[in-house]
PDB file of N, CA and C in Angstrom:
ATOM      1  N   MET A   1     120.134  71.837 182.384  1.00  0.00           N
ATOM      2  CA  MET A   1     119.957  73.136 182.975  1.00  0.00           C
ATOM      3  C   MET A   1     119.730  74.156 181.860  1.00  0.00           C
ATOM      4  N   GLY A   2     118.835  75.114 182.071  1.00  0.00           N
ATOM      5  CA  GLY A   2     118.478  76.106 181.069  1.00  0.00           C
ATOM      6  C   GLY A   2     119.500  77.227 180.973  1.00  0.00           C
ATOM      7  N   LYS A   3     119.271  78.090 180.021  1.00  0.00           N
ATOM      8  CA  LYS A   3     120.155  79.225 179.786  1.00  0.00           C
ATOM      9  C   LYS A   3     119.964  80.242 180.897  1.00  0.00           C
ATOM     10  N   ARG A   4     121.064  80.762 181.393  1.00  0.00           N
ATOM     11  CA  ARG A   4     120.995  81.771 182.457  1.00  0.00           C
ATOM     12  C   ARG A   4     120.652  83.135 181.850  1.00  0.00           C
ATOM     13  N   ALA A   5     119.870  83.887 182.544  1.00  0.00           N
ATOM     14  CA  ALA A   5     119.479  85.217 182.091  1.00  0.00           C
ATOM     15  C   ALA A   5     120.632  86.190 182.310  1.00  0.00           C
ATOM     16  N   ALA A   6     120.827  87.063 181.350  1.00  0.00           N
ATOM     17  CA  ALA A   6     121.834  88.109 181.485  1.00  0.00           C
ATOM     18  C   ALA A   6     121.342  89.132 182.496  1.00  0.00           C
ATOM     19  N   PRO A   7     122.259  89.894 183.086  1.00  0.00           N
ATOM     20  CA  PRO A   7     121.855  90.851 184.126  1.00  0.00           C
ATOM     21  C   PRO A   7     120.813  91.869 183.663  1.00  0.00           C
ATOM     22  N   GLY A   8     120.818  92.271 182.414  1.00  0.00           N
ATOM     23  CA  GLY A   8     119.856  93.271 181.951  1.00  0.00           C
ATOM     24  C   GLY A   8     118.601  92.675 181.357  1.00  0.00           C
ATOM     25  N   ASP A   9     118.401  91.369 181.468  1.00  0.00           N
ATOM     26  CA  ASP A   9     117.277  90.726 180.810  1.00  0.00           C
ATOM     27  C   ASP A   9     115.978  90.761 181.598  1.00  0.00           C
ATOM     28  N   GLY A  10     115.983  91.211 182.783  1.00  0.00           N
ATOM     29  CA  GLY A  10     114.786  91.184 183.620  1.00  0.00           C
ATOM     30  C   GLY A  10     113.617  91.906 182.998  1.00  0.00           C
ATOM     31  N   PRO A  11     113.293  93.075 183.466  1.00  0.00           N
ATOM     32  CA  PRO A  11     112.159  93.807 182.914  1.00  0.00           C
ATOM     33  C   PRO A  11     112.489  94.352 181.518  1.00  0.00           C
ATOM     34  N   GLY A  12     111.474  94.550 180.750  1.00  0.00           N
ATOM     35  CA  GLY A  12     111.650  95.105 179.427  1.00  0.00           C
ATOM     36  C   GLY A  12     111.541  94.074 178.326  1.00  0.00           C
ATOM     37  N   ARG A  13     111.544  92.793 178.674  1.00  0.00           N
ATOM     38  CA  ARG A  13     111.402  91.760 177.651  1.00  0.00           C
ATOM     39  C   ARG A  13     109.932  91.426 177.463  1.00  0.00           C
ATOM     40  N   ASN A  14     109.577  91.173 176.231  1.00  0.00           N
ATOM     41  CA  ASN A  14     108.222  90.747 175.915  1.00  0.00           C
ATOM     42  C   ASN A  14     108.123  89.265 176.278  1.00  0.00           C
ATOM     43  N   PRO A  15     107.186  88.880 177.140  1.00  0.00           N
ATOM     44  CA  PRO A  15     107.129  87.492 177.588  1.00  0.00           C
ATOM     45  C   PRO A  15     106.787  86.500 176.477  1.00  0.00           C
ATOM     46  N   THR A  16     106.092  86.927 175.432  1.00  0.00           N
ATOM     47  CA  THR A  16     105.718  85.983 174.373  1.00  0.00           C
ATOM     48  C   THR A  16     106.824  85.796 173.339  1.00  0.00           C
ATOM     49  N   THR A  17     107.516  86.877 172.978  1.00  0.00           N
ATOM     50  CA  THR A  17     108.553  86.758 171.944  1.00  0.00           C
ATOM     51  C   THR A  17     109.947  86.654 172.540  1.00  0.00           C
ATOM     52  N   GLY A  18     110.127  87.116 173.769  1.00  0.00           N
ATOM     53  CA  GLY A  18     111.440  87.103 174.390  1.00  0.00           C
ATOM     54  C   GLY A  18     112.328  88.256 173.960  1.00  0.00           C
ATOM     55  N   ARG A  19     111.795  89.165 173.148  1.00  0.00           N
ATOM     56  CA  ARG A  19     112.574  90.315 172.679  1.00  0.00           C
ATOM     57  C   ARG A  19     112.411  91.496 173.619  1.00  0.00           C
ATOM     58  N   ARG A  20     113.430  92.312 173.612  1.00  0.00           N
ATOM     59  CA  ARG A  20     113.362  93.549 174.387  1.00  0.00           C
ATOM     60  C   ARG A  20     112.592  94.610 173.612  1.00  0.00           C
ATOM     61  N   ALA A  21     111.890  95.449 174.337  1.00  0.00           N
ATOM     62  CA  ALA A  21     111.223  96.586 173.708  1.00  0.00           C
ATOM     63  C   ALA A  21     112.298  97.626 173.409  1.00  0.00           C
ATOM     64  N   SER A  22     112.273  98.189 172.202  1.00  0.00           N
ATOM     65  CA  SER A  22     113.275  99.193 171.870  1.00  0.00           C
ATOM     66  C   SER A  22     112.684 100.583 172.031  1.00  0.00           C
ATOM     67  N   ALA A  23     113.550 101.522 172.342  1.00  0.00           N
ATOM     68  CA  ALA A  23     113.106 102.909 172.484  1.00  0.00           C
ATOM     69  C   ALA A  23     112.597 103.439 171.136  1.00  0.00           C
ATOM     70  N   ALA A  24     113.263 103.052 170.058  1.00  0.00           N
ATOM     71  CA  ALA A  24     112.831 103.529 168.737  1.00  0.00           C
ATOM     72  C   ALA A  24     111.454 102.970 168.386  1.00  0.00           C
ATOM     73  N   GLY A  25     111.232 101.700 168.686  1.00  0.00           N
ATOM     74  CA  GLY A  25     109.925 101.103 168.417  1.00  0.00           C
ATOM     75  C   GLY A  25     108.824 101.772 169.219  1.00  0.00           C
ATOM     76  N   ASP A  26     109.114 102.057 170.486  1.00  0.00           N
ATOM     77  CA  ASP A  26     108.137 102.755 171.325  1.00  0.00           C
ATOM     78  C   ASP A  26     107.852 104.154 170.786  1.00  0.00           C
ATOM     79  N   HIS A  27     108.898 104.828 170.307  1.00  0.00           N
ATOM     80  CA  HIS A  27     108.739 106.173 169.755  1.00  0.00           C
ATOM     81  C   HIS A  27     107.773 106.156 168.572  1.00  0.00           C
ATOM     82  N   TRP A  28     107.958 105.218 167.632  1.00  0.00           N
ATOM     83  CA  TRP A  28     107.090 105.147 166.462  1.00  0.00           C
ATOM     84  C   TRP A  28     105.678 104.737 166.837  1.00  0.00           C
ATOM     85  N   LYS A  29     105.532 103.880 167.811  1.00  0.00           N
ATOM     86  CA  LYS A  29     104.186 103.500 168.257  1.00  0.00           C
ATOM     87  C   LYS A  29     103.443 104.703 168.808  1.00  0.00           C
ATOM     88  N   ARG A  30     104.137 105.525 169.594  1.00  0.00           N
ATOM     89  CA  ARG A  30     103.507 106.738 170.133  1.00  0.00           C
ATOM     90  C   ARG A  30     103.115 107.693 169.008  1.00  0.00           C
ATOM     91  N   LEU A  31     104.005 107.858 168.019  1.00  0.00           N
ATOM     92  CA  LEU A  31     103.692 108.754 166.905  1.00  0.00           C
ATOM     93  C   LEU A  31     102.483 108.271 166.114  1.00  0.00           C
ATOM     94  N   LEU A  32     102.383 106.979 165.900  1.00  0.00           N
ATOM     95  CA  LEU A  32     101.261 106.438 165.133  1.00  0.00           C
ATOM     96  C   LEU A  32      99.944 106.520 165.886  1.00  0.00           C
ATOM     97  N   ARG A  33      99.998 106.527 167.195  1.00  0.00           N
ATOM     98  CA  ARG A  33      98.762 106.648 167.985  1.00  0.00           C
ATOM     99  C   ARG A  33      98.247 108.070 168.023  1.00  0.00           C
ATOM    100  N   ARG A  34      99.138 109.038 167.788  1.00  0.00           N
ATOM    101  CA  ARG A  34      98.760 110.449 167.823  1.00  0.00           C
ATOM    102  C   ARG A  34      97.859 110.802 166.646  1.00  0.00           C
ATOM    103  N   PRO A  35      96.834 111.617 166.871  1.00  0.00           N
ATOM    104  CA  PRO A  35      96.021 112.046 165.726  1.00  0.00           C
ATOM    105  C   PRO A  35      96.844 112.984 164.839  1.00  0.00           C
ATOM    106  N   PRO A  36      96.619 112.964 163.527  1.00  0.00           N
ATOM    107  CA  PRO A  36      97.391 113.839 162.643  1.00  0.00           C
ATOM    108  C   PRO A  36      97.080 115.308 162.911  1.00  0.00           C
ATOM    109  N   ARG A  37      98.077 116.141 162.698  1.00  0.00           N
ATOM    110  CA  ARG A  37      97.887 117.583 162.876  1.00  0.00           C
ATOM    111  C   ARG A  37      97.035 118.140 161.747  1.00  0.00           C
ATOM    112  N   ALA A  38      96.291 119.171 162.076  1.00  0.00           N
ATOM    113  CA  ALA A  38      95.521 119.872 161.039  1.00  0.00           C
ATOM    114  C   ALA A  38      96.504 120.669 160.186  1.00  0.00           C
ATOM    115  N   PRO A  39      96.307 120.700 158.858  1.00  0.00           N
ATOM    116  CA  PRO A  39      97.230 121.450 158.013  1.00  0.00           C
ATOM    117  C   PRO A  39      97.189 122.940 158.313  1.00  0.00           C
ATOM    118  N   GLU A  40      98.346 123.565 158.248  1.00  0.00           N
ATOM    119  CA  GLU A  40      98.460 125.002 158.495  1.00  0.00           C
ATOM    120  C   GLU A  40      98.024 125.746 157.234  1.00  0.00           C
ATOM    121  N   ARG A  41      97.115 126.707 157.390  1.00  0.00           N
ATOM    122  CA  ARG A  41      96.630 127.480 156.244  1.00  0.00           C
ATOM    123  C   ARG A  41      97.638 128.571 155.908  1.00  0.00           C
ATOM    124  N   LEU A  42      98.039 128.616 154.632  1.00  0.00           N
ATOM    125  CA  LEU A  42      98.991 129.622 154.168  1.00  0.00           C
ATOM    126  C   LEU A  42      98.463 130.291 152.915  1.00  0.00           C
ATOM    127  N   ASP A  43      98.785 131.562 152.772  1.00  0.00           N
ATOM    128  CA  ASP A  43      98.482 132.213 151.503  1.00  0.00           C
ATOM    129  C   ASP A  43      99.588 131.841 150.512  1.00  0.00           C
ATOM    130  N   ALA A  44      99.395 132.188 149.257  1.00  0.00           N
ATOM    131  CA  ALA A  44     100.332 131.773 148.207  1.00  0.00           C
ATOM    132  C   ALA A  44     101.745 132.300 148.463  1.00  0.00           C
ATOM    133  N   THR A  45     101.872 133.532 148.939  1.00  0.00           N
ATOM    134  CA  THR A  45     103.193 134.125 149.169  1.00  0.00           C
ATOM    135  C   THR A  45     103.937 133.396 150.280  1.00  0.00           C
ATOM    136  N   ALA A  46     103.265 133.077 151.364  1.00  0.00           N
ATOM    137  CA  ALA A  46     103.908 132.358 152.468  1.00  0.00           C
ATOM    138  C   ALA A  46     104.246 130.925 152.055  1.00  0.00           C
ATOM    139  N   PHE A  47     103.383 130.309 151.267  1.00  0.00           N
ATOM    140  CA  PHE A  47     103.644 128.957 150.792  1.00  0.00           C
ATOM    141  C   PHE A  47     104.881 128.932 149.892  1.00  0.00           C
ATOM    142  N   VAL A  48     104.986 129.893 148.981  1.00  0.00           N
ATOM    143  CA  VAL A  48     106.145 129.977 148.095  1.00  0.00           C
ATOM    144  C   VAL A  48     107.417 130.249 148.902  1.00  0.00           C
ATOM    145  N   ALA A  49     107.327 131.079 149.926  1.00  0.00           N
ATOM    146  CA  ALA A  49     108.503 131.347 150.765  1.00  0.00           C
ATOM    147  C   ALA A  49     108.978 130.064 151.459  1.00  0.00           C
ATOM    148  N   GLU A  50     108.053 129.250 151.957  1.00  0.00           N
ATOM    149  CA  GLU A  50     108.415 127.982 152.596  1.00  0.00           C
ATOM    150  C   GLU A  50     109.006 127.012 151.580  1.00  0.00           C
ATOM    151  N   LEU A  51     108.417 126.939 150.393  1.00  0.00           N
ATOM    152  CA  LEU A  51     108.955 126.059 149.352  1.00  0.00           C
ATOM    153  C   LEU A  51     110.363 126.484 148.943  1.00  0.00           C
ATOM    154  N   ASN A  52     110.588 127.787 148.799  1.00  0.00           N
ATOM    155  CA  ASN A  52     111.920 128.273 148.444  1.00  0.00           C
ATOM    156  C   ASN A  52     112.932 127.978 149.545  1.00  0.00           C
ATOM    157  N   ARG A  53     112.524 128.088 150.794  1.00  0.00           N
ATOM    158  CA  ARG A  53     113.426 127.765 151.903  1.00  0.00           C
ATOM    159  C   ARG A  53     113.882 126.312 151.794  1.00  0.00           C
ATOM    160  N   ARG A  54     112.939 125.419 151.518  1.00  0.00           N
ATOM    161  CA  ARG A  54     113.270 123.996 151.387  1.00  0.00           C
ATOM    162  C   ARG A  54     114.096 123.729 150.130  1.00  0.00           C
ATOM    163  N   LEU A  55     113.773 124.415 149.038  1.00  0.00           N
ATOM    164  CA  LEU A  55     114.509 124.230 147.791  1.00  0.00           C
ATOM    165  C   LEU A  55     115.964 124.670 147.937  1.00  0.00           C
ATOM    166  N   PHE A  56     116.199 125.840 148.519  1.00  0.00           N
ATOM    167  CA  PHE A  56     117.558 126.357 148.636  1.00  0.00           C
ATOM    168  C   PHE A  56     118.399 125.522 149.599  1.00  0.00           C
ATOM    169  N   ALA A  57     117.760 124.819 150.522  1.00  0.00           N
ATOM    170  CA  ALA A  57     118.480 123.945 151.453  1.00  0.00           C
ATOM    171  C   ALA A  57     118.762 122.575 150.837  1.00  0.00           C
ATOM    172  N   ASP A  58     118.116 122.266 149.725  1.00  0.00           N
ATOM    173  CA  ASP A  58     118.276 120.957 149.082  1.00  0.00           C
ATOM    174  C   ASP A  58     119.609 120.884 148.335  1.00  0.00           C
ATOM    175  N   PRO A  59     120.343 119.782 148.474  1.00  0.00           N
ATOM    176  CA  PRO A  59     121.625 119.676 147.766  1.00  0.00           C
ATOM    177  C   PRO A  59     121.480 119.616 146.245  1.00  0.00           C
ATOM    178  N   SER A  60     120.298 119.329 145.727  1.00  0.00           N
ATOM    179  CA  SER A  60     120.069 119.251 144.276  1.00  0.00           C
ATOM    180  C   SER A  60     119.764 120.601 143.648  1.00  0.00           C
ATOM    181  N   TRP A  61     119.658 121.651 144.452  1.00  0.00           N
ATOM    182  CA  TRP A  61     119.265 122.966 143.946  1.00  0.00           C
ATOM    183  C   TRP A  61     120.286 123.491 142.945  1.00  0.00           C
ATOM    184  N   ARG A  62     119.773 124.098 141.872  1.00  0.00           N
ATOM    185  CA  ARG A  62     120.612 124.742 140.873  1.00  0.00           C
ATOM    186  C   ARG A  62     120.245 126.211 140.777  1.00  0.00           C
ATOM    187  N   GLU A  63     121.244 127.028 140.462  1.00  0.00           N
ATOM    188  CA  GLU A  63     121.050 128.459 140.278  1.00  0.00           C
ATOM    189  C   GLU A  63     119.961 128.701 139.232  1.00  0.00           C
ATOM    190  N   GLY A  64     119.082 129.648 139.495  1.00  0.00           N
ATOM    191  CA  GLY A  64     118.021 129.984 138.551  1.00  0.00           C
ATOM    192  C   GLY A  64     116.724 129.230 138.784  1.00  0.00           C
ATOM    193  N   THR A  65     116.706 128.315 139.751  1.00  0.00           N
ATOM    194  CA  THR A  65     115.483 127.570 140.055  1.00  0.00           C
ATOM    195  C   THR A  65     114.857 128.176 141.296  1.00  0.00           C
ATOM    196  N   ARG A  66     113.579 128.467 141.212  1.00  0.00           N
ATOM    197  CA  ARG A  66     112.876 129.026 142.373  1.00  0.00           C
ATOM    198  C   ARG A  66     111.377 128.860 142.202  1.00  0.00           C
ATOM    199  N   PHE A  67     110.680 128.953 143.305  1.00  0.00           N
ATOM    200  CA  PHE A  67     109.222 128.963 143.311  1.00  0.00           C
ATOM    201  C   PHE A  67     108.770 130.408 143.208  1.00  0.00           C
ATOM    202  N   VAL A  68     107.665 130.641 142.504  1.00  0.00           N
ATOM    203  CA  VAL A  68     107.148 131.999 142.325  1.00  0.00           C
ATOM    204  C   VAL A  68     105.627 131.988 142.463  1.00  0.00           C
ATOM    205  N   VAL A  69     105.088 133.167 142.698  1.00  0.00           N
ATOM    206  CA  VAL A  69     103.641 133.357 142.723  1.00  0.00           C
ATOM    207  C   VAL A  69     103.251 133.988 141.402  1.00  0.00           C
ATOM    208  N   ALA A  70     102.406 133.306 140.643  1.00  0.00           N
ATOM    209  CA  ALA A  70     101.949 133.811 139.347  1.00  0.00           C
ATOM    210  C   ALA A  70     100.694 134.652 139.565  1.00  0.00           C
ATOM    211  N   ALA A  71     100.673 135.815 138.943  1.00  0.00           N
ATOM    212  CA  ALA A  71      99.508 136.709 139.064  1.00  0.00           C
ATOM    213  C   ALA A  71      98.554 136.476 137.909  1.00  0.00           C
ATOM    214  N   ASP A  72      97.268 136.600 138.190  1.00  0.00           N
ATOM    215  CA  ASP A  72      96.292 136.474 137.114  1.00  0.00           C
ATOM    216  C   ASP A  72      96.228 137.802 136.345  1.00  0.00           C
ATOM    217  N   PRO A  73      95.541 137.862 135.200  1.00  0.00           N
ATOM    218  CA  PRO A  73      95.497 139.084 134.393  1.00  0.00           C
ATOM    219  C   PRO A  73      94.897 140.293 135.127  1.00  0.00           C
ATOM    220  N   ASP A  74      94.061 140.056 136.135  1.00  0.00           N
ATOM    221  CA  ASP A  74      93.450 141.162 136.878  1.00  0.00           C
ATOM    222  C   ASP A  74      94.363 141.707 137.956  1.00  0.00           C
ATOM    223  N   GLY A  75      95.536 141.114 138.125  1.00  0.00           N
ATOM    224  CA  GLY A  75      96.484 141.613 139.115  1.00  0.00           C
ATOM    225  C   GLY A  75      96.437 140.873 140.436  1.00  0.00           C
ATOM    226  N   GLY A  76      95.480 139.987 140.610  1.00  0.00           N
ATOM    227  CA  GLY A  76      95.397 139.216 141.849  1.00  0.00           C
ATOM    228  C   GLY A  76      96.316 138.003 141.797  1.00  0.00           C
ATOM    229  N   VAL A  77      96.461 137.338 142.918  1.00  0.00           N
ATOM    230  CA  VAL A  77      97.296 136.151 142.989  1.00  0.00           C
ATOM    231  C   VAL A  77      96.551 134.985 142.363  1.00  0.00           C
ATOM    232  N   ALA A  78      97.155 134.351 141.384  1.00  0.00           N
ATOM    233  CA  ALA A  78      96.513 133.220 140.734  1.00  0.00           C
ATOM    234  C   ALA A  78      96.913 131.924 141.429  1.00  0.00           C
ATOM    235  N   GLU A  79      98.174 131.554 141.359  1.00  0.00           N
ATOM    236  CA  GLU A  79      98.641 130.319 141.974  1.00  0.00           C
ATOM    237  C   GLU A  79     100.156 130.336 142.083  1.00  0.00           C
ATOM    238  N   SER A  80     100.660 129.318 142.754  1.00  0.00           N
ATOM    239  CA  SER A  80     102.106 129.198 142.891  1.00  0.00           C
ATOM    240  C   SER A  80     102.621 128.247 141.818  1.00  0.00           C
ATOM    241  N   THR A  81     103.796 128.552 141.289  1.00  0.00           N
ATOM    242  CA  THR A  81     104.430 127.730 140.276  1.00  0.00           C
ATOM    243  C   THR A  81     105.944 127.833 140.470  1.00  0.00           C
ATOM    244  N   TRP A  82     106.707 127.447 139.468  1.00  0.00           N
ATOM    245  CA  TRP A  82     108.160 127.488 139.614  1.00  0.00           C
ATOM    246  C   TRP A  82     108.818 127.916 138.316  1.00  0.00           C
ATOM    247  N   GLU A  83     110.081 128.360 138.432  1.00  0.00           N
ATOM    248  CA  GLU A  83     110.902 128.760 137.299  1.00  0.00           C
ATOM    249  C   GLU A  83     112.212 128.003 137.395  1.00  0.00           C
ATOM    250  N   GLY A  84     112.773 127.674 136.233  1.00  0.00           N
ATOM    251  CA  GLY A  84     114.061 127.002 136.218  1.00  0.00           C
ATOM    252  C   GLY A  84     114.129 125.978 135.117  1.00  0.00           C
ATOM    253  N   PRO A  85     115.268 125.283 135.026  1.00  0.00           N
ATOM    254  CA  PRO A  85     115.418 124.281 133.973  1.00  0.00           C
ATOM    255  C   PRO A  85     114.484 123.097 134.181  1.00  0.00           C
ATOM    256  N   GLU A  86     114.057 122.519 133.068  1.00  0.00           N
ATOM    257  CA  GLU A  86     113.125 121.382 133.117  1.00  0.00           C
ATOM    258  C   GLU A  86     113.723 120.189 133.863  1.00  0.00           C
ATOM    259  N   SER A  87     115.037 120.097 133.913  1.00  0.00           N
ATOM    260  CA  SER A  87     115.695 118.991 134.618  1.00  0.00           C
ATOM    261  C   SER A  87     115.455 119.034 136.127  1.00  0.00           C
ATOM    262  N   MET A  88     115.002 120.172 136.633  1.00  0.00           N
ATOM    263  CA  MET A  88     114.731 120.313 138.068  1.00  0.00           C
ATOM    264  C   MET A  88     113.318 119.867 138.445  1.00  0.00           C
ATOM    265  N   LYS A  89     112.513 119.483 137.470  1.00  0.00           N
ATOM    266  CA  LYS A  89     111.114 119.123 137.736  1.00  0.00           C
ATOM    267  C   LYS A  89     110.964 118.010 138.783  1.00  0.00           C
ATOM    268  N   PRO A  90     111.771 116.938 138.770  1.00  0.00           N
ATOM    269  CA  PRO A  90     111.638 115.919 139.819  1.00  0.00           C
ATOM    270  C   PRO A  90     111.938 116.454 141.224  1.00  0.00           C
ATOM    271  N   VAL A  91     112.887 117.368 141.328  1.00  0.00           N
ATOM    272  CA  VAL A  91     113.213 117.968 142.630  1.00  0.00           C
ATOM    273  C   VAL A  91     112.046 118.830 143.103  1.00  0.00           C
ATOM    274  N   ILE A  92     111.493 119.609 142.190  1.00  0.00           N
ATOM    275  CA  ILE A  92     110.335 120.462 142.504  1.00  0.00           C
ATOM    276  C   ILE A  92     109.178 119.587 142.978  1.00  0.00           C
ATOM    277  N   ALA A  93     108.915 118.504 142.254  1.00  0.00           N
ATOM    278  CA  ALA A  93     107.810 117.608 142.621  1.00  0.00           C
ATOM    279  C   ALA A  93     108.041 117.005 144.000  1.00  0.00           C
ATOM    280  N   ARG A  94     109.268 116.588 144.304  1.00  0.00           N
ATOM    281  CA  ARG A  94     109.569 115.980 145.602  1.00  0.00           C
ATOM    282  C   ARG A  94     109.349 116.981 146.740  1.00  0.00           C
ATOM    283  N   ILE A  95     109.768 118.218 146.531  1.00  0.00           N
ATOM    284  CA  ILE A  95     109.605 119.234 147.584  1.00  0.00           C
ATOM    285  C   ILE A  95     108.139 119.560 147.799  1.00  0.00           C
ATOM    286  N   VAL A  96     107.384 119.734 146.716  1.00  0.00           N
ATOM    287  CA  VAL A  96     105.955 120.054 146.853  1.00  0.00           C
ATOM    288  C   VAL A  96     105.203 118.889 147.485  1.00  0.00           C
ATOM    289  N   LYS A  97     105.494 117.663 147.055  1.00  0.00           N
ATOM    290  CA  LYS A  97     104.822 116.497 147.630  1.00  0.00           C
ATOM    291  C   LYS A  97     105.157 116.334 149.105  1.00  0.00           C
ATOM    292  N   GLY A  98     106.315 116.794 149.517  1.00  0.00           N
ATOM    293  CA  GLY A  98     106.698 116.736 150.928  1.00  0.00           C
ATOM    294  C   GLY A  98     105.866 117.649 151.812  1.00  0.00           C
ATOM    295  N   THR A  99     105.175 118.601 151.206  1.00  0.00           N
ATOM    296  CA  THR A  99     104.349 119.524 151.987  1.00  0.00           C
ATOM    297  C   THR A  99     102.886 119.097 152.045  1.00  0.00           C
ATOM    298  N   LEU A 100     102.524 118.034 151.325  1.00  0.00           N
ATOM    299  CA  LEU A 100     101.126 117.579 151.329  1.00  0.00           C
ATOM    300  C   LEU A 100     100.699 117.216 152.743  1.00  0.00           C
ATOM    301  N   GLY A 101      99.576 117.704 153.154  1.00  0.00           N
ATOM    302  CA  GLY A 101      99.062 117.432 154.484  1.00  0.00           C
ATOM    303  C   GLY A 101      99.628 118.352 155.545  1.00  0.00           C
ATOM    304  N   GLU A 102     100.743 119.011 155.246  1.00  0.00           N
ATOM    305  CA  GLU A 102     101.361 119.931 156.206  1.00  0.00           C
ATOM    306  C   GLU A 102     100.788 121.338 156.075  1.00  0.00           C
ATOM    307  N   PHE A 103     100.491 121.724 154.825  1.00  0.00           N
ATOM    308  CA  PHE A 103      99.963 123.064 154.553  1.00  0.00           C
ATOM    309  C   PHE A 103      98.692 122.967 153.719  1.00  0.00           C
ATOM    310  N   ALA A 104      97.798 123.911 153.946  1.00  0.00           N
ATOM    311  CA  ALA A 104      96.578 124.029 153.140  1.00  0.00           C
ATOM    312  C   ALA A 104      96.671 125.352 152.396  1.00  0.00           C
ATOM    313  N   ILE A 105      96.546 125.292 151.082  1.00  0.00           N
ATOM    314  CA  ILE A 105      96.613 126.501 150.262  1.00  0.00           C
ATOM    315  C   ILE A 105      95.320 126.634 149.481  1.00  0.00           C
ATOM    316  N   GLU A 106      95.018 127.874 149.069  1.00  0.00           N
ATOM    317  CA  GLU A 106      93.756 128.140 148.390  1.00  0.00           C
ATOM    318  C   GLU A 106      93.710 127.563 146.983  1.00  0.00           C
ATOM    319  N   ARG A 107      94.818 127.652 146.256  1.00  0.00           N
ATOM    320  CA  ARG A 107      94.855 127.186 144.872  1.00  0.00           C
ATOM    321  C   ARG A 107      95.922 126.107 144.730  1.00  0.00           C
ATOM    322  N   PRO A 108      95.712 125.159 143.827  1.00  0.00           N
ATOM    323  CA  PRO A 108      96.703 124.085 143.661  1.00  0.00           C
ATOM    324  C   PRO A 108      98.008 124.591 143.057  1.00  0.00           C
ATOM    325  N   PHE A 109      99.078 123.873 143.329  1.00  0.00           N
ATOM    326  CA  PHE A 109     100.385 124.195 142.791  1.00  0.00           C
ATOM    327  C   PHE A 109     100.448 123.759 141.327  1.00  0.00           C
ATOM    328  N   LEU A 110     101.046 124.578 140.448  1.00  0.00           N
ATOM    329  CA  LEU A 110     101.171 124.255 139.031  1.00  0.00           C
ATOM    330  C   LEU A 110     102.556 123.673 138.734  1.00  0.00           C
ATOM    331  N   PHE A 111     102.603 122.359 138.456  1.00  0.00           N
ATOM    332  CA  PHE A 111     103.870 121.743 138.075  1.00  0.00           C
ATOM    333  C   PHE A 111     104.225 122.094 136.638  1.00  0.00           C
ATOM    334  N   ASP A 112     103.237 121.999 135.749  1.00  0.00           N
ATOM    335  CA  ASP A 112     103.461 122.309 134.341  1.00  0.00           C
ATOM    336  C   ASP A 112     103.231 123.784 134.129  1.00  0.00           C
ATOM    337  N   ARG A 113     104.275 124.440 133.647  1.00  0.00           N
ATOM    338  CA  ARG A 113     104.194 125.889 133.500  1.00  0.00           C
ATOM    339  C   ARG A 113     103.749 126.276 132.126  1.00  0.00           C
TER     340      ARG A 113
END
């Protein structure tokens, strides 16, 4: 005699593998089928404000570290960069890389100051 099915084994099992479909697996499948969002266009000041929000919320943040907007010699906005100890460079890189594809900015971010 074969194995008896448990009461919850009816629907929801994959007939070929015998595994149940998980809610988490279905969630990720739906996310992967979705087309990617278009990046949000931000000016340098808004981009720096978002980066600072993420930096200050990070547990690795140290006093004196922040993102800034560097001005060119003519007084216009040149690009976004950062200030702080060199030991914070990996944290800065992680935060900036986390925004790739999420935001579109006019000028690239300067890691090396």
